[in-house]
PDB file of N, CA and C in Angstrom:
ATOM      1  N   VAL A   1       0.852  -1.174   0.000  1.00  0.00           N
ATOM      2  CA  VAL A   1       0.000   0.000   0.000  1.00  0.00           C
ATOM      3  C   VAL A   1       0.898   1.238   0.000  1.00  0.00           C
ATOM      4  N   GLY A   2       1.408   1.708   1.105  1.00  0.00           N
ATOM      5  CA  GLY A   2       2.381   2.790   1.139  1.00  0.00           C
ATOM      6  C   GLY A   2       1.825   4.158   0.810  1.00  0.00           C
ATOM      7  N   VAL A   3       2.730   5.052   0.413  1.00  0.00           N
ATOM      8  CA  VAL A   3       2.379   6.437   0.119  1.00  0.00           C
ATOM      9  C   VAL A   3       1.848   6.550  -1.307  1.00  0.00           C
ATOM     10  N   ARG A   4       0.763   7.266  -1.479  1.00  0.00           N
ATOM     11  CA  ARG A   4       0.148   7.481  -2.791  1.00  0.00           C
ATOM     12  C   ARG A   4       0.642   8.808  -3.364  1.00  0.00           C
ATOM     13  N   ASN A   5       0.589   8.953  -4.707  1.00  0.00           N
ATOM     14  CA  ASN A   5       1.104  10.175  -5.307  1.00  0.00           C
ATOM     15  C   ASN A   5       0.036  11.232  -5.581  1.00  0.00           C
ATOM     16  N   THR A   6      -1.225  10.949  -5.241  1.00  0.00           N
ATOM     17  CA  THR A   6      -2.298  11.903  -5.522  1.00  0.00           C
ATOM     18  C   THR A   6      -3.336  11.885  -4.410  1.00  0.00           C
ATOM     19  N   ARG A   7      -3.820  13.071  -4.066  1.00  0.00           N
ATOM     20  CA  ARG A   7      -4.908  13.196  -3.098  1.00  0.00           C
ATOM     21  C   ARG A   7      -5.930  14.183  -3.657  1.00  0.00           C
ATOM     22  N   ILE A   8      -7.195  13.774  -3.630  1.00  0.00           N
ATOM     23  CA  ILE A   8      -8.281  14.674  -4.000  1.00  0.00           C
ATOM     24  C   ILE A   8      -9.283  14.703  -2.853  1.00  0.00           C
ATOM     25  N   TYR A   9     -10.084  15.750  -2.820  1.00  0.00           N
ATOM     26  CA  TYR A   9     -11.116  15.891  -1.796  1.00  0.00           C
ATOM     27  C   TYR A   9     -12.476  15.897  -2.472  1.00  0.00           C
ATOM     28  N   ALA A  10     -13.401  15.153  -1.903  1.00  0.00           N
ATOM     29  CA  ALA A  10     -14.762  15.080  -2.436  1.00  0.00           C
ATOM     30  C   ALA A  10     -15.723  15.719  -1.444  1.00  0.00           C
ATOM     31  N   LEU A  11     -16.599  16.555  -1.984  1.00  0.00           N
ATOM     32  CA  LEU A  11     -17.616  17.228  -1.167  1.00  0.00           C
ATOM     33  C   LEU A  11     -18.987  16.804  -1.649  1.00  0.00           C
ATOM     34  N   PRO A  12     -19.934  16.554  -0.737  1.00  0.00           N
ATOM     35  CA  PRO A  12     -21.289  16.200  -1.164  1.00  0.00           C
ATOM     36  C   PRO A  12     -21.994  17.428  -1.745  1.00  0.00           C
ATOM     37  N   THR A  13     -22.978  17.189  -2.572  1.00  0.00           N
ATOM     38  CA  THR A  13     -23.779  18.300  -3.098  1.00  0.00           C
ATOM     39  C   THR A  13     -24.646  18.863  -1.983  1.00  0.00           C
ATOM     40  N   LEU A  14     -25.129  20.073  -2.177  1.00  0.00           N
ATOM     41  CA  LEU A  14     -25.958  20.717  -1.149  1.00  0.00           C
ATOM     42  C   LEU A  14     -27.227  19.925  -0.848  1.00  0.00           C
ATOM     43  N   SER A  15     -27.762  19.237  -1.842  1.00  0.00           N
ATOM     44  CA  SER A  15     -29.001  18.479  -1.634  1.00  0.00           C
ATOM     45  C   SER A  15     -28.759  17.102  -1.010  1.00  0.00           C
ATOM     46  N   SER A  16     -27.507  16.753  -0.776  1.00  0.00           N
ATOM     47  CA  SER A  16     -27.160  15.449  -0.227  1.00  0.00           C
ATOM     48  C   SER A  16     -27.469  15.370   1.266  1.00  0.00           C
ATOM     49  N   LEU A  17     -27.682  14.164   1.757  1.00  0.00           N
ATOM     50  CA  LEU A  17     -27.859  13.934   3.186  1.00  0.00           C
ATOM     51  C   LEU A  17     -26.530  13.907   3.919  1.00  0.00           C
ATOM     52  N   TYR A  18     -25.423  13.846   3.177  1.00  0.00           N
ATOM     53  CA  TYR A  18     -24.091  13.758   3.762  1.00  0.00           C
ATOM     54  C   TYR A  18     -23.505  15.150   3.992  1.00  0.00           C
ATOM     55  N   VAL A  19     -22.630  15.250   4.978  1.00  0.00           N
ATOM     56  CA  VAL A  19     -21.947  16.507   5.259  1.00  0.00           C
ATOM     57  C   VAL A  19     -20.446  16.249   5.383  1.00  0.00           C
ATOM     58  N   GLY A  20     -19.660  17.303   5.207  1.00  0.00           N
ATOM     59  CA  GLY A  20     -18.213  17.172   5.340  1.00  0.00           C
ATOM     60  C   GLY A  20     -17.566  16.726   4.046  1.00  0.00           C
ATOM     61  N   ARG A  21     -16.267  16.642   4.062  1.00  0.00           N
ATOM     62  CA  ARG A  21     -15.536  16.203   2.878  1.00  0.00           C
ATOM     63  C   ARG A  21     -14.730  14.961   3.213  1.00  0.00           C
ATOM     64  N   ILE A  22     -14.432  14.200   2.168  1.00  0.00           N
ATOM     65  CA  ILE A  22     -13.573  13.038   2.355  1.00  0.00           C
ATOM     66  C   ILE A  22     -12.320  13.210   1.502  1.00  0.00           C
ATOM     67  N   SER A  23     -11.265  12.601   1.949  1.00  0.00           N
ATOM     68  CA  SER A  23      -9.998  12.620   1.235  1.00  0.00           C
ATOM     69  C   SER A  23      -9.818  11.267   0.554  1.00  0.00           C
ATOM     70  N   ILE A  24      -9.506  11.297  -0.733  1.00  0.00           N
ATOM     71  CA  ILE A  24      -9.268  10.072  -1.488  1.00  0.00           C
ATOM     72  C   ILE A  24      -7.828  10.123  -1.994  1.00  0.00           C
ATOM     73  N   THR A  25      -7.058   9.106  -1.681  1.00  0.00           N
ATOM     74  CA  THR A  25      -5.680   9.043  -2.165  1.00  0.00           C
ATOM     75  C   THR A  25      -5.535   7.863  -3.119  1.00  0.00           C
ATOM     76  N   TYR A  26      -4.757   8.076  -4.171  1.00  0.00           N
ATOM     77  CA  TYR A  26      -4.539   7.024  -5.165  1.00  0.00           C
ATOM     78  C   TYR A  26      -3.250   7.318  -5.924  1.00  0.00           C
ATOM     79  N   ASP A  27      -2.815   6.374  -6.714  1.00  0.00           N
ATOM     80  CA  ASP A  27      -1.633   6.543  -7.553  1.00  0.00           C
ATOM     81  C   ASP A  27      -2.051   6.811  -8.988  1.00  0.00           C
ATOM     82  N   ARG A  28      -1.543   7.915  -9.545  1.00  0.00           N
ATOM     83  CA  ARG A  28      -1.747   8.176 -10.972  1.00  0.00           C
ATOM     84  C   ARG A  28      -0.885   7.204 -11.770  1.00  0.00           C
ATOM     85  N   ILE A  29      -1.278   6.931 -12.974  1.00  0.00           N
ATOM     86  CA  ILE A  29      -0.573   6.007 -13.866  1.00  0.00           C
ATOM     87  C   ILE A  29       0.580   6.762 -14.524  1.00  0.00           C
ATOM     88  N   ASN A  30       1.758   6.161 -14.511  1.00  0.00           N
ATOM     89  CA  ASN A  30       2.878   6.777 -15.208  1.00  0.00           C
ATOM     90  C   ASN A  30       2.667   6.583 -16.707  1.00  0.00           C
ATOM     91  N   PHE A  31       2.673   7.689 -17.453  1.00  0.00           N
ATOM     92  CA  PHE A  31       2.455   7.626 -18.901  1.00  0.00           C
ATOM     93  C   PHE A  31       3.422   6.668 -19.590  1.00  0.00           C
ATOM     94  N   ASN A  32       4.625   6.476 -19.027  1.00  0.00           N
ATOM     95  CA  ASN A  32       5.587   5.607 -19.712  1.00  0.00           C
ATOM     96  C   ASN A  32       5.156   4.140 -19.717  1.00  0.00           C
ATOM     97  N   THR A  33       4.096   3.799 -18.977  1.00  0.00           N
ATOM     98  CA  THR A  33       3.558   2.439 -19.042  1.00  0.00           C
ATOM     99  C   THR A  33       2.578   2.280 -20.202  1.00  0.00           C
ATOM    100  N   VAL A  34       2.207   3.396 -20.823  1.00  0.00           N
ATOM    101  CA  VAL A  34       1.316   3.376 -21.992  1.00  0.00           C
ATOM    102  C   VAL A  34       2.222   3.360 -23.224  1.00  0.00           C
ATOM    103  N   THR A  35       2.270   2.227 -23.901  1.00  0.00           N
ATOM    104  CA  THR A  35       3.217   2.052 -25.005  1.00  0.00           C
ATOM    105  C   THR A  35       2.496   1.784 -26.314  1.00  0.00           C
ATOM    106  N   ASN A  36       3.246   1.849 -27.390  1.00  0.00           N
ATOM    107  CA  ASN A  36       2.740   1.565 -28.743  1.00  0.00           C
ATOM    108  C   ASN A  36       1.584   2.476 -29.136  1.00  0.00           C
ATOM    109  N   VAL A  37       1.687   3.749 -28.771  1.00  0.00           N
ATOM    110  CA  VAL A  37       0.664   4.726 -29.140  1.00  0.00           C
ATOM    111  C   VAL A  37       1.068   5.348 -30.469  1.00  0.00           C
ATOM    112  N   SER A  38       0.134   5.379 -31.417  1.00  0.00           N
ATOM    113  CA  SER A  38       0.417   6.021 -32.700  1.00  0.00           C
ATOM    114  C   SER A  38      -0.844   6.708 -33.209  1.00  0.00           C
ATOM    115  N   VAL A  39      -0.646   7.830 -33.881  1.00  0.00           N
ATOM    116  CA  VAL A  39      -1.748   8.614 -34.425  1.00  0.00           C
ATOM    117  C   VAL A  39      -1.371   9.119 -35.811  1.00  0.00           C
ATOM    118  N   VAL A  40      -2.377   9.491 -36.586  1.00  0.00           N
ATOM    119  CA  VAL A  40      -2.149  10.136 -37.871  1.00  0.00           C
ATOM    120  C   VAL A  40      -1.992  11.623 -37.592  1.00  0.00           C
ATOM    121  N   LYS A  41      -0.872  12.210 -38.013  1.00  0.00           N
ATOM    122  CA  LYS A  41      -0.589  13.620 -37.744  1.00  0.00           C
ATOM    123  C   LYS A  41      -1.488  14.540 -38.559  1.00  0.00           C
ATOM    124  N   GLY A  42      -1.723  14.208 -39.802  1.00  0.00           N
ATOM    125  CA  GLY A  42      -2.534  15.064 -40.663  1.00  0.00           C
ATOM    126  C   GLY A  42      -1.954  16.463 -40.717  1.00  0.00           C
ATOM    127  N   SER A  43      -2.815  17.471 -40.560  1.00  0.00           N
ATOM    128  CA  SER A  43      -2.371  18.863 -40.638  1.00  0.00           C
ATOM    129  C   SER A  43      -2.108  19.472 -39.260  1.00  0.00           C
ATOM    130  N   ALA A  44      -2.178  18.667 -38.218  1.00  0.00           N
ATOM    131  CA  ALA A  44      -1.965  19.174 -36.852  1.00  0.00           C
ATOM    132  C   ALA A  44      -0.550  19.721 -36.704  1.00  0.00           C
ATOM    133  N   THR A  45      -0.434  20.814 -35.954  1.00  0.00           N
ATOM    134  CA  THR A  45       0.880  21.415 -35.707  1.00  0.00           C
ATOM    135  C   THR A  45       1.224  21.454 -34.222  1.00  0.00           C
ATOM    136  N   THR A  46       0.242  21.118 -33.351  1.00  0.00           N
ATOM    137  CA  THR A  46       0.485  21.107 -31.905  1.00  0.00           C
ATOM    138  C   THR A  46      -0.088  19.831 -31.290  1.00  0.00           C
ATOM    139  N   VAL A  47       0.402  19.508 -30.111  1.00  0.00           N
ATOM    140  CA  VAL A  47      -0.101  18.339 -29.376  1.00  0.00           C
ATOM    141  C   VAL A  47      -1.595  18.487 -29.116  1.00  0.00           C
ATOM    142  N   HIS A  48      -2.034  19.655 -28.687  1.00  0.00           N
ATOM    143  CA  HIS A  48      -3.453  19.852 -28.375  1.00  0.00           C
ATOM    144  C   HIS A  48      -4.345  19.605 -29.587  1.00  0.00           C
ATOM    145  N   GLN A  49      -3.872  19.927 -30.785  1.00  0.00           N
ATOM    146  CA  GLN A  49      -4.664  19.661 -31.989  1.00  0.00           C
ATOM    147  C   GLN A  49      -4.815  18.167 -32.249  1.00  0.00           C
ATOM    148  N   LEU A  50      -3.913  17.367 -31.716  1.00  0.00           N
ATOM    149  CA  LEU A  50      -3.986  15.903 -31.894  1.00  0.00           C
ATOM    150  C   LEU A  50      -4.760  15.194 -30.786  1.00  0.00           C
ATOM    151  N   LEU A  51      -5.234  15.934 -29.786  1.00  0.00           N
ATOM    152  CA  LEU A  51      -5.934  15.285 -28.666  1.00  0.00           C
ATOM    153  C   LEU A  51      -7.102  14.398 -29.087  1.00  0.00           C
ATOM    154  N   PRO A  52      -7.957  14.805 -30.040  1.00  0.00           N
ATOM    155  CA  PRO A  52      -9.037  13.882 -30.436  1.00  0.00           C
ATOM    156  C   PRO A  52      -8.502  12.531 -30.931  1.00  0.00           C
ATOM    157  N   ALA A  53      -7.427  12.551 -31.714  1.00  0.00           N
ATOM    158  CA  ALA A  53      -6.847  11.302 -32.224  1.00  0.00           C
ATOM    159  C   ALA A  53      -6.205  10.497 -31.095  1.00  0.00           C
ATOM    160  N   ILE A  54      -5.530  11.187 -30.161  1.00  0.00           N
ATOM    161  CA  ILE A  54      -4.912  10.511 -29.013  1.00  0.00           C
ATOM    162  C   ILE A  54      -5.992   9.872 -28.147  1.00  0.00           C
ATOM    163  N   ASN A  55      -7.055  10.615 -27.880  1.00  0.00           N
ATOM    164  CA  ASN A  55      -8.154  10.080 -27.068  1.00  0.00           C
ATOM    165  C   ASN A  55      -8.801   8.869 -27.718  1.00  0.00           C
ATOM    166  N   GLU A  56      -8.981   8.925 -29.028  1.00  0.00           N
ATOM    167  CA  GLU A  56      -9.570   7.778 -29.729  1.00  0.00           C
ATOM    168  C   GLU A  56      -8.636   6.568 -29.653  1.00  0.00           C
ATOM    169  N   GLU A  57      -7.351   6.798 -29.829  1.00  0.00           N
ATOM    170  CA  GLU A  57      -6.358   5.710 -29.771  1.00  0.00           C
ATOM    171  C   GLU A  57      -6.326   5.061 -28.391  1.00  0.00           C
ATOM    172  N   LEU A  58      -6.380   5.881 -27.337  1.00  0.00           N
ATOM    173  CA  LEU A  58      -6.274   5.364 -25.970  1.00  0.00           C
ATOM    174  C   LEU A  58      -7.626   5.009 -25.346  1.00  0.00           C
ATOM    175  N   GLY A  59      -8.718   5.463 -25.944  1.00  0.00           N
ATOM    176  CA  GLY A  59     -10.038   5.183 -25.387  1.00  0.00           C
ATOM    177  C   GLY A  59     -10.313   5.966 -24.115  1.00  0.00           C
ATOM    178  N   ILE A  60      -9.764   7.178 -24.034  1.00  0.00           N
ATOM    179  CA  ILE A  60      -9.951   8.034 -22.859  1.00  0.00           C
ATOM    180  C   ILE A  60     -10.372   9.426 -23.309  1.00  0.00           C
ATOM    181  N   ALA A  61     -10.495  10.355 -22.374  1.00  0.00           N
ATOM    182  CA  ALA A  61     -10.935  11.709 -22.703  1.00  0.00           C
ATOM    183  C   ALA A  61     -10.009  12.736 -22.055  1.00  0.00           C
ATOM    184  N   LEU A  62      -8.776  12.814 -22.545  1.00  0.00           N
ATOM    185  CA  LEU A  62      -7.850  13.834 -22.055  1.00  0.00           C
ATOM    186  C   LEU A  62      -8.322  15.209 -22.526  1.00  0.00           C
ATOM    187  N   ALA A  63      -8.172  16.202 -21.654  1.00  0.00           N
ATOM    188  CA  ALA A  63      -8.486  17.587 -22.005  1.00  0.00           C
ATOM    189  C   ALA A  63      -7.185  18.343 -22.218  1.00  0.00           C
ATOM    190  N   THR A  64      -7.279  19.535 -22.772  1.00  0.00           N
ATOM    191  CA  THR A  64      -6.067  20.327 -23.003  1.00  0.00           C
ATOM    192  C   THR A  64      -5.357  20.640 -21.691  1.00  0.00           C
ATOM    193  N   THR A  65      -6.079  20.689 -20.592  1.00  0.00           N
ATOM    194  CA  THR A  65      -5.442  20.939 -19.296  1.00  0.00           C
ATOM    195  C   THR A  65      -4.670  19.726 -18.783  1.00  0.00           C
ATOM    196  N   ASP A  66      -4.873  18.561 -19.394  1.00  0.00           N
ATOM    197  CA  ASP A  66      -4.234  17.320 -18.943  1.00  0.00           C
ATOM    198  C   ASP A  66      -2.852  17.082 -19.530  1.00  0.00           C
ATOM    199  N   VAL A  67      -2.557  17.694 -20.680  1.00  0.00           N
ATOM    200  CA  VAL A  67      -1.279  17.445 -21.345  1.00  0.00           C
ATOM    201  C   VAL A  67      -0.618  18.754 -21.746  1.00  0.00           C
ATOM    202  N   VAL A  68       0.703  18.742 -21.745  1.00  0.00           N
ATOM    203  CA  VAL A  68       1.485  19.914 -22.131  1.00  0.00           C
ATOM    204  C   VAL A  68       1.387  20.108 -23.637  1.00  0.00           C
ATOM    205  N   ASP A  69       1.059  21.322 -24.060  1.00  0.00           N
ATOM    206  CA  ASP A  69       1.012  21.623 -25.484  1.00  0.00           C
ATOM    207  C   ASP A  69       2.422  21.930 -25.981  1.00  0.00           C
ATOM    208  N   ALA A  70       2.712  21.500 -27.184  1.00  0.00           N
ATOM    209  CA  ALA A  70       4.014  21.764 -27.793  1.00  0.00           C
ATOM    210  C   ALA A  70       3.856  21.667 -29.298  1.00  0.00           C
ATOM    211  N   ALA A  71       4.784  22.289 -30.004  1.00  0.00           N
ATOM    212  CA  ALA A  71       4.809  22.158 -31.461  1.00  0.00           C
ATOM    213  C   ALA A  71       5.185  20.732 -31.824  1.00  0.00           C
ATOM    214  N   LEU A  72       4.556  20.221 -32.864  1.00  0.00           N
ATOM    215  CA  LEU A  72       4.836  18.851 -33.309  1.00  0.00           C
ATOM    216  C   LEU A  72       5.979  18.843 -34.319  1.00  0.00           C
ATOM    217  N   PRO A  73       6.898  17.901 -34.195  1.00  0.00           N
ATOM    218  CA  PRO A  73       7.935  17.768 -35.221  1.00  0.00           C
ATOM    219  C   PRO A  73       7.314  17.244 -36.517  1.00  0.00           C
ATOM    220  N   ALA A  74       7.971  17.491 -37.602  1.00  0.00           N
ATOM    221  CA  ALA A  74       7.444  17.076 -38.903  1.00  0.00           C
ATOM    222  C   ALA A  74       7.359  15.561 -39.046  1.00  0.00           C
ATOM    223  N   SER A  75       8.300  14.845 -38.422  1.00  0.00           N
ATOM    224  CA  SER A  75       8.309  13.384 -38.554  1.00  0.00           C
ATOM    225  C   SER A  75       8.857  12.755 -37.285  1.00  0.00           C
ATOM    226  N   GLY A  76       8.677  11.454 -37.176  1.00  0.00           N
ATOM    227  CA  GLY A  76       9.272  10.698 -36.082  1.00  0.00           C
ATOM    228  C   GLY A  76       8.423  10.547 -34.843  1.00  0.00           C
ATOM    229  N   GLY A  77       7.451  11.403 -34.623  1.00  0.00           N
ATOM    230  CA  GLY A  77       6.625  11.326 -33.428  1.00  0.00           C
ATOM    231  C   GLY A  77       6.994  12.396 -32.420  1.00  0.00           C
ATOM    232  N   PHE A  78       6.421  12.303 -31.217  1.00  0.00           N
ATOM    233  CA  PHE A  78       6.599  13.345 -30.211  1.00  0.00           C
ATOM    234  C   PHE A  78       6.413  12.771 -28.820  1.00  0.00           C
ATOM    235  N   THR A  79       6.748  13.566 -27.818  1.00  0.00           N
ATOM    236  CA  THR A  79       6.567  13.170 -26.428  1.00  0.00           C
ATOM    237  C   THR A  79       5.281  13.776 -25.891  1.00  0.00           C
ATOM    238  N   LEU A  80       4.420  12.929 -25.355  1.00  0.00           N
ATOM    239  CA  LEU A  80       3.174  13.354 -24.728  1.00  0.00           C
ATOM    240  C   LEU A  80       3.426  13.431 -23.230  1.00  0.00           C
ATOM    241  N   THR A  81       3.274  14.626 -22.644  1.00  0.00           N
ATOM    242  CA  THR A  81       3.623  14.849 -21.245  1.00  0.00           C
ATOM    243  C   THR A  81       2.393  15.278 -20.451  1.00  0.00           C
ATOM    244  N   ALA A  82       2.161  14.629 -19.325  1.00  0.00           N
ATOM    245  CA  ALA A  82       1.047  14.979 -18.445  1.00  0.00           C
ATOM    246  C   ALA A  82       1.360  16.275 -17.698  1.00  0.00           C
ATOM    247  N   THR A  83       0.356  17.113 -17.508  1.00  0.00           N
ATOM    248  CA  THR A  83       0.518  18.310 -16.684  1.00  0.00           C
ATOM    249  C   THR A  83       0.366  17.919 -15.216  1.00  0.00           C
ATOM    250  N   SER A  84       0.714  18.835 -14.349  1.00  0.00           N
ATOM    251  CA  SER A  84       0.615  18.560 -12.909  1.00  0.00           C
ATOM    252  C   SER A  84      -0.833  18.444 -12.441  1.00  0.00           C
ATOM    253  N   VAL A  85      -1.790  18.938 -13.225  1.00  0.00           N
ATOM    254  CA  VAL A  85      -3.206  18.850 -12.822  1.00  0.00           C
ATOM    255  C   VAL A  85      -3.915  17.637 -13.428  1.00  0.00           C
ATOM    256  N   ASN A  86      -3.212  16.825 -14.200  1.00  0.00           N
ATOM    257  CA  ASN A  86      -3.803  15.621 -14.770  1.00  0.00           C
ATOM    258  C   ASN A  86      -4.143  14.668 -13.629  1.00  0.00           C
ATOM    259  N   LYS A  87      -5.399  14.258 -13.532  1.00  0.00           N
ATOM    260  CA  LYS A  87      -5.853  13.422 -12.422  1.00  0.00           C
ATOM    261  C   LYS A  87      -5.642  11.927 -12.658  1.00  0.00           C
ATOM    262  N   LEU A  88      -5.262  11.551 -13.884  1.00  0.00           N
ATOM    263  CA  LEU A  88      -5.082  10.133 -14.205  1.00  0.00           C
ATOM    264  C   LEU A  88      -3.624   9.747 -14.453  1.00  0.00           C
ATOM    265  N   PHE A  89      -2.874  10.636 -15.132  1.00  0.00           N
ATOM    266  CA  PHE A  89      -1.511  10.297 -15.540  1.00  0.00           C
ATOM    267  C   PHE A  89      -0.480  11.241 -14.946  1.00  0.00           C
ATOM    268  N   THR A  90       0.745  10.741 -14.881  1.00  0.00           N
ATOM    269  CA  THR A  90       1.925  11.528 -14.549  1.00  0.00           C
ATOM    270  C   THR A  90       3.022  11.112 -15.524  1.00  0.00           C
ATOM    271  N   GLY A  91       4.037  11.943 -15.698  1.00  0.00           N
ATOM    272  CA  GLY A  91       5.148  11.581 -16.570  1.00  0.00           C
ATOM    273  C   GLY A  91       4.855  11.803 -18.038  1.00  0.00           C
ATOM    274  N   ASN A  92       5.520  10.999 -18.894  1.00  0.00           N
ATOM    275  CA  ASN A  92       5.344  11.174 -20.339  1.00  0.00           C
ATOM    276  C   ASN A  92       5.497   9.849 -21.066  1.00  0.00           C
ATOM    277  N   THR A  93       5.107   9.866 -22.331  1.00  0.00           N
ATOM    278  CA  THR A  93       5.246   8.703 -23.193  1.00  0.00           C
ATOM    279  C   THR A  93       5.515   9.178 -24.616  1.00  0.00           C
ATOM    280  N   THR A  94       5.996   8.293 -25.447  1.00  0.00           N
ATOM    281  CA  THR A  94       6.267   8.621 -26.842  1.00  0.00           C
ATOM    282  C   THR A  94       5.086   8.231 -27.701  1.00  0.00           C
ATOM    283  N   VAL A  95       4.716   9.135 -28.609  1.00  0.00           N
ATOM    284  CA  VAL A  95       3.637   8.870 -29.559  1.00  0.00           C
ATOM    285  C   VAL A  95       4.240   8.905 -30.956  1.00  0.00           C
ATOM    286  N   ALA A  96       4.015   7.857 -31.711  1.00  0.00           N
ATOM    287  CA  ALA A  96       4.546   7.767 -33.087  1.00  0.00           C
ATOM    288  C   ALA A  96       3.497   8.244 -34.077  1.00  0.00           C
ATOM    289  N   TYR A  97       3.966   8.659 -35.238  1.00  0.00           N
ATOM    290  CA  TYR A  97       3.052   8.999 -36.342  1.00  0.00           C
ATOM    291  C   TYR A  97       2.848   7.751 -37.190  1.00  0.00           C
ATOM    292  N   ARG A  98       1.630   7.567 -37.647  1.00  0.00           N
ATOM    293  CA  ARG A  98       1.373   6.505 -38.609  1.00  0.00           C
ATOM    294  C   ARG A  98       0.709   7.118 -39.847  1.00  0.00           C
ATOM    295  N   THR A  99       0.836   6.438 -40.933  1.00  0.00           N
ATOM    296  CA  THR A  99       0.281   6.971 -42.190  1.00  0.00           C
ATOM    297  C   THR A  99      -0.986   6.262 -42.559  1.00  0.00           C
TER     298      THR A  99
END
């Protein structure tokens, strides 16, 4: 079990019978465990422009606040890096281009 790398607080809605907040601790997934990711670059020039393709490839719903935006290289792929506010991932992974 040990020390977790993330803590969030949950508050009940005003209409709830519950009061107070609870603390939930968990470990975010290191992006480097997500491998073999590839997307079609198309006309995208930034990481954020590729988010729909990345989300479809991974089956998740990353938002622009979840990943660092950067200019995309013309070829070879790029590094996808989680922001500090990403609630699911930490770290980074390599994304390849496919045709």
